N, C-alpha and C. Protein backbone atom coordinates (compact mmCIF):
# COMPACT_ATOMS: atom_id res chain seq x y z
N UNK A 1 32.95 -63.02 -46.20
CA UNK A 1 33.11 -63.02 -47.64
C UNK A 1 34.58 -63.26 -47.97
N UNK A 2 34.82 -64.15 -48.92
CA UNK A 2 36.17 -64.45 -49.37
C UNK A 2 36.42 -63.79 -50.71
N UNK A 3 37.51 -63.08 -50.85
CA UNK A 3 37.88 -62.46 -52.12
C UNK A 3 38.93 -63.35 -52.77
N UNK A 4 38.72 -63.67 -54.04
CA UNK A 4 39.63 -64.56 -54.76
C UNK A 4 40.24 -63.79 -55.92
N UNK A 5 41.54 -63.85 -56.06
CA UNK A 5 42.22 -63.25 -57.19
C UNK A 5 42.65 -64.38 -58.12
N UNK A 6 42.23 -64.29 -59.36
CA UNK A 6 42.54 -65.34 -60.33
C UNK A 6 43.47 -64.75 -61.38
N UNK A 7 44.62 -65.38 -61.56
CA UNK A 7 45.57 -64.92 -62.55
C UNK A 7 45.24 -65.51 -63.91
N UNK A 8 45.01 -64.63 -64.87
CA UNK A 8 44.70 -65.07 -66.22
C UNK A 8 45.26 -64.05 -67.19
N UNK A 9 46.03 -64.50 -68.15
CA UNK A 9 46.47 -63.62 -69.22
C UNK A 9 45.44 -63.78 -70.32
N UNK A 10 44.42 -62.94 -70.27
CA UNK A 10 43.29 -63.06 -71.19
C UNK A 10 43.56 -62.32 -72.49
N UNK A 11 43.10 -62.88 -73.61
CA UNK A 11 43.24 -62.17 -74.87
C UNK A 11 42.44 -60.87 -74.87
N UNK A 12 42.92 -59.88 -75.60
CA UNK A 12 42.21 -58.62 -75.78
C UNK A 12 40.86 -58.91 -76.42
N UNK A 13 39.81 -58.32 -75.91
CA UNK A 13 38.49 -58.50 -76.49
C UNK A 13 37.83 -59.82 -76.13
N UNK A 14 38.44 -60.58 -75.22
CA UNK A 14 37.83 -61.85 -74.78
C UNK A 14 36.62 -61.54 -73.91
N UNK A 15 35.74 -62.50 -73.80
CA UNK A 15 34.59 -62.36 -72.92
C UNK A 15 34.72 -63.42 -71.82
N UNK A 16 34.08 -63.18 -70.71
CA UNK A 16 34.14 -64.16 -69.63
C UNK A 16 32.77 -64.30 -68.99
N UNK A 17 32.57 -65.44 -68.37
CA UNK A 17 31.32 -65.69 -67.67
C UNK A 17 31.65 -66.52 -66.43
N UNK A 18 30.93 -66.26 -65.35
CA UNK A 18 31.14 -66.94 -64.08
C UNK A 18 29.89 -67.73 -63.73
N UNK A 19 30.06 -69.02 -63.43
CA UNK A 19 28.96 -69.84 -62.95
C UNK A 19 29.23 -70.14 -61.48
N UNK A 20 28.49 -71.06 -60.90
CA UNK A 20 28.66 -71.37 -59.48
C UNK A 20 30.08 -71.79 -59.14
N UNK A 21 30.72 -72.59 -60.00
CA UNK A 21 32.04 -73.11 -59.67
C UNK A 21 33.02 -73.03 -60.84
N UNK A 22 32.72 -72.21 -61.84
CA UNK A 22 33.54 -72.17 -63.04
C UNK A 22 33.70 -70.74 -63.56
N UNK A 23 34.91 -70.43 -64.00
CA UNK A 23 35.16 -69.19 -64.73
C UNK A 23 35.51 -69.59 -66.16
N UNK A 24 34.84 -69.01 -67.15
CA UNK A 24 35.15 -69.27 -68.56
C UNK A 24 35.70 -68.00 -69.18
N UNK A 25 36.74 -68.14 -69.99
CA UNK A 25 37.25 -67.04 -70.82
C UNK A 25 37.14 -67.52 -72.26
N UNK A 26 36.49 -66.72 -73.10
CA UNK A 26 36.16 -67.15 -74.45
C UNK A 26 36.67 -66.14 -75.48
N UNK A 27 37.25 -66.65 -76.56
CA UNK A 27 37.61 -65.84 -77.72
C UNK A 27 38.63 -64.75 -77.43
N UNK A 28 38.69 -63.77 -78.35
CA UNK A 28 39.57 -62.63 -78.20
C UNK A 28 40.64 -62.55 -79.27
N UNK A 29 41.47 -61.51 -79.15
CA UNK A 29 42.58 -61.26 -80.09
C UNK A 29 43.85 -61.80 -79.44
N UNK A 30 44.60 -62.64 -80.17
CA UNK A 30 45.73 -63.33 -79.53
C UNK A 30 47.11 -62.81 -79.91
N UNK A 31 47.20 -61.84 -80.83
CA UNK A 31 48.52 -61.30 -81.17
C UNK A 31 48.41 -59.88 -81.68
N UNK A 32 49.54 -59.25 -81.94
CA UNK A 32 49.57 -57.85 -82.37
C UNK A 32 49.08 -57.67 -83.80
N UNK A 33 48.89 -58.77 -84.55
CA UNK A 33 48.38 -58.69 -85.92
C UNK A 33 46.86 -58.69 -85.96
N UNK A 34 46.23 -58.85 -84.82
CA UNK A 34 44.77 -58.86 -84.76
C UNK A 34 44.15 -60.22 -85.02
N UNK A 35 44.93 -61.28 -84.89
CA UNK A 35 44.41 -62.63 -85.11
C UNK A 35 43.41 -62.99 -84.02
N UNK A 36 42.23 -63.43 -84.44
CA UNK A 36 41.19 -63.81 -83.50
C UNK A 36 41.27 -65.29 -83.19
N UNK A 37 40.74 -65.67 -82.04
CA UNK A 37 40.70 -67.09 -81.66
C UNK A 37 39.28 -67.51 -81.34
N UNK A 38 39.02 -68.80 -81.53
CA UNK A 38 37.75 -69.36 -81.12
C UNK A 38 37.93 -70.27 -79.90
N UNK A 39 39.08 -70.13 -79.24
CA UNK A 39 39.38 -70.98 -78.09
C UNK A 39 38.59 -70.55 -76.86
N UNK A 40 38.43 -71.50 -75.96
CA UNK A 40 37.83 -71.22 -74.66
C UNK A 40 38.70 -71.88 -73.59
N UNK A 41 38.76 -71.26 -72.44
CA UNK A 41 39.49 -71.83 -71.31
C UNK A 41 38.59 -71.79 -70.09
N UNK A 42 38.70 -72.82 -69.26
CA UNK A 42 37.86 -72.95 -68.09
C UNK A 42 38.73 -73.11 -66.85
N UNK A 43 38.34 -72.44 -65.79
CA UNK A 43 38.98 -72.62 -64.49
C UNK A 43 37.90 -73.07 -63.52
N UNK A 44 38.06 -74.26 -62.96
CA UNK A 44 37.11 -74.77 -61.98
C UNK A 44 37.53 -74.29 -60.59
N UNK A 45 36.59 -73.77 -59.86
CA UNK A 45 36.84 -73.24 -58.51
C UNK A 45 36.08 -74.11 -57.52
N UNK A 46 36.79 -74.56 -56.50
CA UNK A 46 36.16 -75.39 -55.47
C UNK A 46 36.03 -74.58 -54.20
N UNK A 47 34.84 -74.50 -53.68
CA UNK A 47 34.62 -73.84 -52.40
C UNK A 47 34.59 -74.88 -51.29
N UNK A 48 35.28 -74.60 -50.22
CA UNK A 48 35.14 -75.43 -49.03
C UNK A 48 35.05 -74.50 -47.83
N UNK A 49 34.89 -75.03 -46.67
CA UNK A 49 34.67 -74.20 -45.48
C UNK A 49 35.88 -73.33 -45.14
N UNK A 50 37.08 -73.77 -45.50
CA UNK A 50 38.28 -73.03 -45.09
C UNK A 50 38.79 -72.04 -46.13
N UNK A 51 38.70 -72.39 -47.39
CA UNK A 51 39.29 -71.52 -48.40
C UNK A 51 38.73 -71.85 -49.77
N UNK A 52 39.03 -71.00 -50.69
CA UNK A 52 38.67 -71.25 -52.08
C UNK A 52 39.92 -71.75 -52.79
N UNK A 53 39.82 -72.88 -53.43
CA UNK A 53 40.97 -73.46 -54.11
C UNK A 53 40.69 -73.48 -55.60
N UNK A 54 41.69 -73.19 -56.41
CA UNK A 54 41.50 -73.24 -57.84
C UNK A 54 42.47 -74.24 -58.46
N UNK A 55 42.03 -74.82 -59.53
CA UNK A 55 42.84 -75.77 -60.27
C UNK A 55 43.45 -75.06 -61.47
N UNK A 56 43.98 -75.81 -62.43
CA UNK A 56 44.59 -75.24 -63.63
C UNK A 56 43.53 -74.81 -64.63
N UNK A 57 43.93 -73.87 -65.52
CA UNK A 57 43.10 -73.53 -66.66
C UNK A 57 43.09 -74.71 -67.61
N UNK A 58 41.92 -75.05 -68.15
CA UNK A 58 41.76 -76.19 -69.04
C UNK A 58 41.09 -75.72 -70.34
N UNK A 59 41.59 -76.19 -71.48
CA UNK A 59 40.98 -75.84 -72.77
C UNK A 59 39.58 -76.44 -72.84
N UNK A 60 38.64 -75.66 -73.37
CA UNK A 60 37.26 -76.11 -73.53
C UNK A 60 36.90 -76.30 -74.98
N UNK A 61 35.64 -76.55 -75.24
CA UNK A 61 35.15 -76.68 -76.61
C UNK A 61 35.29 -75.33 -77.32
N UNK A 62 35.71 -75.33 -78.59
CA UNK A 62 35.87 -74.06 -79.30
C UNK A 62 34.54 -73.38 -79.59
N UNK A 63 34.59 -72.07 -79.75
CA UNK A 63 33.43 -71.31 -80.19
C UNK A 63 33.13 -71.69 -81.64
N UNK A 64 31.93 -71.36 -82.15
CA UNK A 64 31.60 -71.71 -83.53
C UNK A 64 32.45 -70.98 -84.57
N UNK A 65 33.07 -69.86 -84.17
CA UNK A 65 33.94 -69.10 -85.06
C UNK A 65 34.84 -68.20 -84.23
N UNK A 66 35.99 -67.78 -84.78
CA UNK A 66 36.83 -66.83 -84.05
C UNK A 66 36.05 -65.53 -83.81
N UNK A 67 36.14 -64.99 -82.60
CA UNK A 67 35.29 -63.87 -82.23
C UNK A 67 35.96 -63.03 -81.14
N UNK A 68 35.73 -61.73 -81.17
CA UNK A 68 36.21 -60.85 -80.11
C UNK A 68 35.16 -59.80 -79.79
N UNK A 69 35.31 -59.13 -78.66
CA UNK A 69 34.44 -58.03 -78.24
C UNK A 69 32.96 -58.41 -78.30
N UNK A 70 32.62 -59.52 -77.66
CA UNK A 70 31.24 -59.97 -77.63
C UNK A 70 30.77 -60.08 -76.19
N UNK A 71 29.50 -60.32 -76.03
CA UNK A 71 28.88 -60.38 -74.71
C UNK A 71 28.50 -61.82 -74.38
N UNK A 72 28.64 -62.22 -73.13
CA UNK A 72 28.22 -63.56 -72.70
C UNK A 72 27.34 -63.43 -71.47
N UNK A 73 26.39 -64.35 -71.36
CA UNK A 73 25.52 -64.39 -70.18
C UNK A 73 25.19 -65.85 -69.88
N UNK A 74 25.27 -66.21 -68.61
CA UNK A 74 24.94 -67.57 -68.19
C UNK A 74 23.42 -67.68 -68.05
N UNK A 75 22.82 -68.69 -68.68
CA UNK A 75 21.38 -68.90 -68.61
C UNK A 75 21.05 -69.93 -67.54
N UNK A 76 19.80 -69.97 -67.12
CA UNK A 76 19.38 -70.87 -66.05
C UNK A 76 19.61 -72.34 -66.36
N UNK A 77 19.51 -72.71 -67.62
CA UNK A 77 19.64 -74.13 -67.98
C UNK A 77 21.09 -74.57 -68.13
N UNK A 78 22.04 -73.67 -67.82
CA UNK A 78 23.46 -74.02 -67.89
C UNK A 78 24.14 -73.64 -69.19
N UNK A 79 23.35 -73.26 -70.19
CA UNK A 79 23.96 -72.82 -71.44
C UNK A 79 24.44 -71.38 -71.30
N UNK A 80 25.33 -70.99 -72.20
CA UNK A 80 25.85 -69.62 -72.22
C UNK A 80 25.38 -68.95 -73.50
N UNK A 81 24.81 -67.77 -73.37
CA UNK A 81 24.37 -66.98 -74.51
C UNK A 81 25.54 -66.11 -74.96
N UNK A 82 25.88 -66.18 -76.24
CA UNK A 82 26.94 -65.36 -76.83
C UNK A 82 26.27 -64.41 -77.82
N UNK A 83 26.48 -63.11 -77.63
CA UNK A 83 25.81 -62.11 -78.46
C UNK A 83 26.81 -61.20 -79.15
N UNK A 84 26.60 -60.95 -80.44
CA UNK A 84 27.35 -59.96 -81.19
C UNK A 84 28.82 -60.26 -81.31
N UNK A 85 29.62 -59.20 -81.34
CA UNK A 85 31.06 -59.35 -81.42
C UNK A 85 31.61 -59.02 -82.80
N UNK A 86 32.91 -59.04 -82.88
CA UNK A 86 33.61 -58.77 -84.14
C UNK A 86 34.26 -60.06 -84.61
N UNK A 87 34.20 -60.26 -85.92
CA UNK A 87 34.77 -61.46 -86.51
C UNK A 87 36.04 -61.15 -87.29
N UNK A 88 36.43 -59.90 -87.36
CA UNK A 88 37.62 -59.51 -88.09
C UNK A 88 38.06 -58.14 -87.68
N UNK A 89 38.98 -57.56 -88.44
CA UNK A 89 39.48 -56.23 -88.12
C UNK A 89 39.48 -55.37 -89.37
N UNK A 90 39.37 -54.08 -89.18
CA UNK A 90 39.45 -53.14 -90.30
C UNK A 90 38.27 -53.23 -91.24
N UNK A 91 38.50 -52.89 -92.52
CA UNK A 91 37.40 -52.84 -93.49
C UNK A 91 36.75 -54.20 -93.74
N UNK A 92 37.46 -55.28 -93.42
CA UNK A 92 36.91 -56.62 -93.67
C UNK A 92 35.91 -57.04 -92.60
N UNK A 93 35.70 -56.19 -91.58
CA UNK A 93 34.80 -56.52 -90.49
C UNK A 93 33.39 -56.80 -91.02
N UNK A 94 32.82 -57.90 -90.62
CA UNK A 94 31.48 -58.28 -91.05
C UNK A 94 30.46 -57.72 -90.07
N UNK A 95 29.70 -56.68 -90.48
CA UNK A 95 28.73 -56.08 -89.55
C UNK A 95 27.61 -57.04 -89.17
N UNK A 96 27.38 -58.09 -89.96
CA UNK A 96 26.33 -59.05 -89.63
C UNK A 96 26.65 -59.85 -88.38
N UNK A 97 27.92 -60.05 -88.08
CA UNK A 97 28.29 -60.80 -86.87
C UNK A 97 27.71 -60.13 -85.64
N UNK A 98 27.66 -58.82 -85.64
CA UNK A 98 27.15 -58.09 -84.48
C UNK A 98 25.67 -58.36 -84.23
N UNK A 99 24.99 -58.90 -85.22
CA UNK A 99 23.55 -59.15 -85.09
C UNK A 99 23.23 -60.62 -84.82
N UNK A 100 24.22 -61.40 -84.52
CA UNK A 100 24.03 -62.83 -84.28
C UNK A 100 24.10 -63.16 -82.80
N UNK A 101 23.50 -64.29 -82.47
CA UNK A 101 23.59 -64.82 -81.10
C UNK A 101 23.68 -66.35 -81.21
N UNK A 102 24.42 -66.94 -80.26
CA UNK A 102 24.59 -68.39 -80.23
C UNK A 102 24.35 -68.88 -78.82
N UNK A 103 23.90 -70.12 -78.70
CA UNK A 103 23.85 -70.80 -77.41
C UNK A 103 25.03 -71.75 -77.37
N UNK A 104 25.80 -71.66 -76.31
CA UNK A 104 27.03 -72.45 -76.17
C UNK A 104 26.89 -73.32 -74.94
N UNK A 105 27.16 -74.60 -75.09
CA UNK A 105 27.07 -75.49 -73.93
C UNK A 105 28.37 -76.26 -73.73
N UNK A 106 29.50 -75.62 -74.11
CA UNK A 106 30.81 -76.25 -73.99
C UNK A 106 31.18 -76.50 -72.57
């Protein structure tokens, strides 16, 4: 078994999902003011017989809206299920966001 350490400065409240050869980091809070992002970053991992090699983080397709503290799951067909999350901070928080789900194929 090979253990791989991946360096990522992930936003607070970001979600991540791992596929066969890809690590995705999605959304999160990007500053001390609580600003949310809809950005996604992807790291492609290549397995070979000798070692695991990783390339650079690459920007992916944006989420449908800025989001933090949500759940992600990789589905069999290659899409990613995004569930719930927060769309804002403090009293302006929209409780309906927590009841939503999206399919993401970025």
